[in-house]
N, C-alpha and C. Protein backbone atom coordinates (compact mmCIF):
# COMPACT_ATOMS: atom_id res chain seq x y z
N MET A 1 -33.29 15.68 11.73
CA MET A 1 -32.02 15.10 12.12
C MET A 1 -31.66 13.92 11.21
N ASN A 2 -32.66 13.13 10.85
CA ASN A 2 -32.39 11.98 9.99
C ASN A 2 -31.97 12.41 8.60
N SER A 3 -32.52 13.53 8.11
CA SER A 3 -32.12 14.01 6.78
C SER A 3 -30.68 14.52 6.81
N ILE A 4 -30.26 15.09 7.92
CA ILE A 4 -28.87 15.53 8.05
C ILE A 4 -27.94 14.32 8.04
N LYS A 5 -28.34 13.26 8.72
CA LYS A 5 -27.53 12.03 8.75
C LYS A 5 -27.40 11.43 7.36
N LYS A 6 -28.48 11.45 6.59
CA LYS A 6 -28.42 10.91 5.23
C LYS A 6 -27.56 11.78 4.33
N PHE A 7 -27.65 13.09 4.48
CA PHE A 7 -26.81 13.98 3.69
C PHE A 7 -25.34 13.77 4.05
N LEU A 8 -25.04 13.68 5.32
CA LEU A 8 -23.65 13.45 5.74
C LEU A 8 -23.16 12.07 5.31
N GLY A 9 -24.06 11.10 5.17
CA GLY A 9 -23.68 9.80 4.63
C GLY A 9 -23.13 9.93 3.22
N ILE A 10 -23.80 10.74 2.41
CA ILE A 10 -23.30 11.00 1.05
C ILE A 10 -21.94 11.68 1.11
N VAL A 11 -21.80 12.63 2.01
CA VAL A 11 -20.53 13.36 2.14
C VAL A 11 -19.40 12.41 2.53
N TRP A 12 -19.64 11.50 3.48
CA TRP A 12 -18.59 10.57 3.92
C TRP A 12 -18.16 9.64 2.80
N VAL A 13 -19.13 9.16 2.04
CA VAL A 13 -18.78 8.27 0.93
C VAL A 13 -17.94 9.02 -0.11
N ILE A 14 -18.34 10.22 -0.45
CA ILE A 14 -17.59 11.01 -1.43
C ILE A 14 -16.19 11.33 -0.92
N ILE A 15 -16.07 11.70 0.35
CA ILE A 15 -14.76 12.01 0.91
C ILE A 15 -13.85 10.80 0.91
N SER A 16 -14.39 9.63 1.25
CA SER A 16 -13.54 8.44 1.30
C SER A 16 -13.05 8.03 -0.08
N VAL A 17 -13.92 8.08 -1.07
CA VAL A 17 -13.51 7.74 -2.43
C VAL A 17 -12.50 8.75 -2.96
N ALA A 18 -12.75 10.03 -2.71
CA ALA A 18 -11.82 11.07 -3.16
C ALA A 18 -10.47 10.95 -2.46
N ALA A 19 -10.48 10.60 -1.18
CA ALA A 19 -9.22 10.48 -0.44
C ALA A 19 -8.37 9.33 -0.98
N ILE A 20 -8.99 8.20 -1.26
CA ILE A 20 -8.24 7.08 -1.82
C ILE A 20 -7.69 7.45 -3.20
N PHE A 21 -8.52 8.08 -4.02
CA PHE A 21 -8.09 8.49 -5.36
C PHE A 21 -6.91 9.46 -5.28
N LEU A 22 -7.02 10.47 -4.43
CA LEU A 22 -5.93 11.46 -4.31
C LEU A 22 -4.66 10.85 -3.73
N LEU A 23 -4.81 9.90 -2.84
CA LEU A 23 -3.64 9.24 -2.26
C LEU A 23 -2.89 8.43 -3.32
N VAL A 24 -3.62 7.67 -4.10
CA VAL A 24 -2.98 6.89 -5.16
C VAL A 24 -2.39 7.80 -6.23
N GLN A 25 -3.10 8.86 -6.56
CA GLN A 25 -2.59 9.82 -7.54
C GLN A 25 -1.30 10.47 -7.04
N SER A 26 -1.24 10.83 -5.78
CA SER A 26 -0.02 11.41 -5.21
C SER A 26 1.12 10.41 -5.21
N ALA A 27 0.81 9.15 -4.95
CA ALA A 27 1.84 8.11 -4.97
C ALA A 27 2.46 8.00 -6.36
N PHE A 28 1.62 7.96 -7.39
CA PHE A 28 2.14 7.86 -8.75
C PHE A 28 2.93 9.11 -9.14
N ALA A 29 2.54 10.26 -8.61
CA ALA A 29 3.23 11.50 -8.96
C ALA A 29 4.59 11.62 -8.29
N HIS A 30 4.75 11.04 -7.10
CA HIS A 30 5.99 11.22 -6.34
C HIS A 30 7.02 10.11 -6.48
N VAL A 31 6.59 8.92 -6.82
CA VAL A 31 7.52 7.79 -6.83
C VAL A 31 8.58 7.99 -7.91
N ASN A 32 9.83 7.79 -7.52
CA ASN A 32 11.00 7.84 -8.41
C ASN A 32 11.22 9.21 -9.07
N HIS A 33 10.93 10.28 -8.35
CA HIS A 33 11.19 11.62 -8.87
C HIS A 33 12.17 12.38 -7.98
N GLY A 34 13.06 11.68 -7.33
CA GLY A 34 14.03 12.33 -6.47
C GLY A 34 14.62 11.35 -5.49
N LYS A 35 15.39 11.89 -4.54
CA LYS A 35 16.07 11.03 -3.59
C LYS A 35 15.53 11.19 -2.17
N GLU A 36 14.46 11.88 -1.99
CA GLU A 36 13.89 12.06 -0.66
C GLU A 36 13.06 10.83 -0.28
N ASP A 37 12.71 10.73 1.01
CA ASP A 37 11.93 9.58 1.49
C ASP A 37 10.54 9.51 0.86
N ILE A 38 9.94 10.66 0.55
CA ILE A 38 8.59 10.66 -0.01
C ILE A 38 8.58 10.09 -1.42
N ASN A 39 9.71 9.99 -2.05
CA ASN A 39 9.79 9.50 -3.42
C ASN A 39 10.10 8.00 -3.51
N LYS A 40 10.13 7.32 -2.40
CA LYS A 40 10.41 5.89 -2.38
C LYS A 40 9.09 5.11 -2.38
N PRO A 41 9.01 4.04 -3.18
CA PRO A 41 7.76 3.28 -3.24
C PRO A 41 7.37 2.63 -1.92
N THR A 42 8.34 2.26 -1.10
CA THR A 42 8.03 1.61 0.18
C THR A 42 7.19 2.52 1.07
N PHE A 43 7.52 3.79 1.10
CA PHE A 43 6.76 4.76 1.89
C PHE A 43 5.30 4.78 1.45
N TRP A 44 5.06 4.84 0.15
CA TRP A 44 3.70 4.93 -0.36
C TRP A 44 2.93 3.63 -0.17
N ILE A 45 3.60 2.50 -0.30
CA ILE A 45 2.93 1.22 -0.08
C ILE A 45 2.44 1.12 1.36
N ILE A 46 3.27 1.54 2.29
CA ILE A 46 2.88 1.52 3.70
C ILE A 46 1.71 2.46 3.97
N ILE A 47 1.79 3.68 3.45
CA ILE A 47 0.73 4.66 3.68
C ILE A 47 -0.59 4.19 3.06
N ILE A 48 -0.54 3.69 1.83
CA ILE A 48 -1.77 3.23 1.18
C ILE A 48 -2.35 2.01 1.91
N THR A 49 -1.49 1.10 2.36
CA THR A 49 -1.95 -0.08 3.07
C THR A 49 -2.64 0.28 4.39
N ILE A 50 -2.13 1.27 5.06
CA ILE A 50 -2.73 1.69 6.33
C ILE A 50 -3.99 2.51 6.11
N PHE A 51 -3.98 3.39 5.13
CA PHE A 51 -5.08 4.33 4.97
C PHE A 51 -6.30 3.73 4.27
N THR A 52 -6.10 2.75 3.40
CA THR A 52 -7.23 2.20 2.65
C THR A 52 -8.31 1.58 3.54
N PRO A 53 -7.98 0.75 4.54
CA PRO A 53 -9.05 0.23 5.41
C PRO A 53 -9.77 1.33 6.19
N ILE A 54 -9.06 2.39 6.54
CA ILE A 54 -9.70 3.50 7.23
C ILE A 54 -10.72 4.18 6.32
N ALA A 55 -10.33 4.40 5.06
CA ALA A 55 -11.24 5.03 4.11
C ALA A 55 -12.42 4.12 3.77
N VAL A 56 -12.18 2.83 3.69
CA VAL A 56 -13.28 1.89 3.44
C VAL A 56 -14.26 1.90 4.62
N GLY A 57 -13.74 1.96 5.83
CA GLY A 57 -14.60 2.07 7.01
C GLY A 57 -15.42 3.34 7.00
N LEU A 58 -14.81 4.44 6.57
CA LEU A 58 -15.53 5.70 6.45
C LEU A 58 -16.64 5.59 5.41
N ALA A 59 -16.35 4.93 4.30
CA ALA A 59 -17.36 4.74 3.26
C ALA A 59 -18.50 3.86 3.77
N LEU A 60 -18.18 2.81 4.51
CA LEU A 60 -19.23 1.95 5.08
C LEU A 60 -20.09 2.71 6.08
N PHE A 61 -19.46 3.52 6.89
CA PHE A 61 -20.21 4.35 7.85
C PHE A 61 -21.16 5.28 7.10
N GLY A 62 -20.67 5.90 6.03
CA GLY A 62 -21.52 6.78 5.23
C GLY A 62 -22.64 6.02 4.54
N TRP A 63 -22.35 4.81 4.05
CA TRP A 63 -23.37 4.00 3.38
C TRP A 63 -24.48 3.62 4.35
N TYR A 64 -24.10 3.18 5.54
CA TYR A 64 -25.12 2.82 6.53
C TYR A 64 -25.92 4.03 6.98
N SER A 65 -25.27 5.17 7.07
CA SER A 65 -25.98 6.39 7.42
C SER A 65 -26.94 6.78 6.31
N LEU A 66 -26.51 6.61 5.08
CA LEU A 66 -27.37 6.93 3.94
C LEU A 66 -28.58 6.00 3.87
N LYS A 67 -28.41 4.75 4.23
CA LYS A 67 -29.50 3.77 4.20
C LYS A 67 -30.44 3.89 5.40
N GLY A 68 -30.08 4.70 6.39
CA GLY A 68 -30.98 4.93 7.51
C GLY A 68 -30.76 4.00 8.69
N GLU A 69 -29.62 3.37 8.78
CA GLU A 69 -29.35 2.46 9.90
C GLU A 69 -29.21 3.20 11.23
N TYR A 70 -28.89 4.48 11.18
CA TYR A 70 -28.68 5.24 12.41
C TYR A 70 -29.85 6.18 12.71
N ASP A 71 -31.00 5.93 12.09
CA ASP A 71 -32.17 6.78 12.33
C ASP A 71 -32.66 6.62 13.76
N MET A 72 -33.22 7.68 14.28
CA MET A 72 -33.68 7.69 15.67
C MET A 72 -35.00 6.96 15.88
N ASP A 73 -35.86 6.87 14.88
CA ASP A 73 -37.18 6.30 15.08
C ASP A 73 -37.22 4.79 15.01
N LYS A 74 -36.12 4.13 14.93
CA LYS A 74 -36.16 2.66 14.87
C LYS A 74 -36.18 2.07 16.26
């Protein structure tokens, strides 16, 4: 069970970093390329501001899981 937790810790860290990267990449791809709401910088600033702490929390959860903080034998 502890090895599964450590493996999933790696998965959470990778997912959080990839999610932030893809979010910022999407923001740069969509801003100022049309007249829809998704193409306005304000929309992306709000989304990135809200989502970044969530992704950082996911990365911290994965880091602690990888380091063994959630092991059963402690």
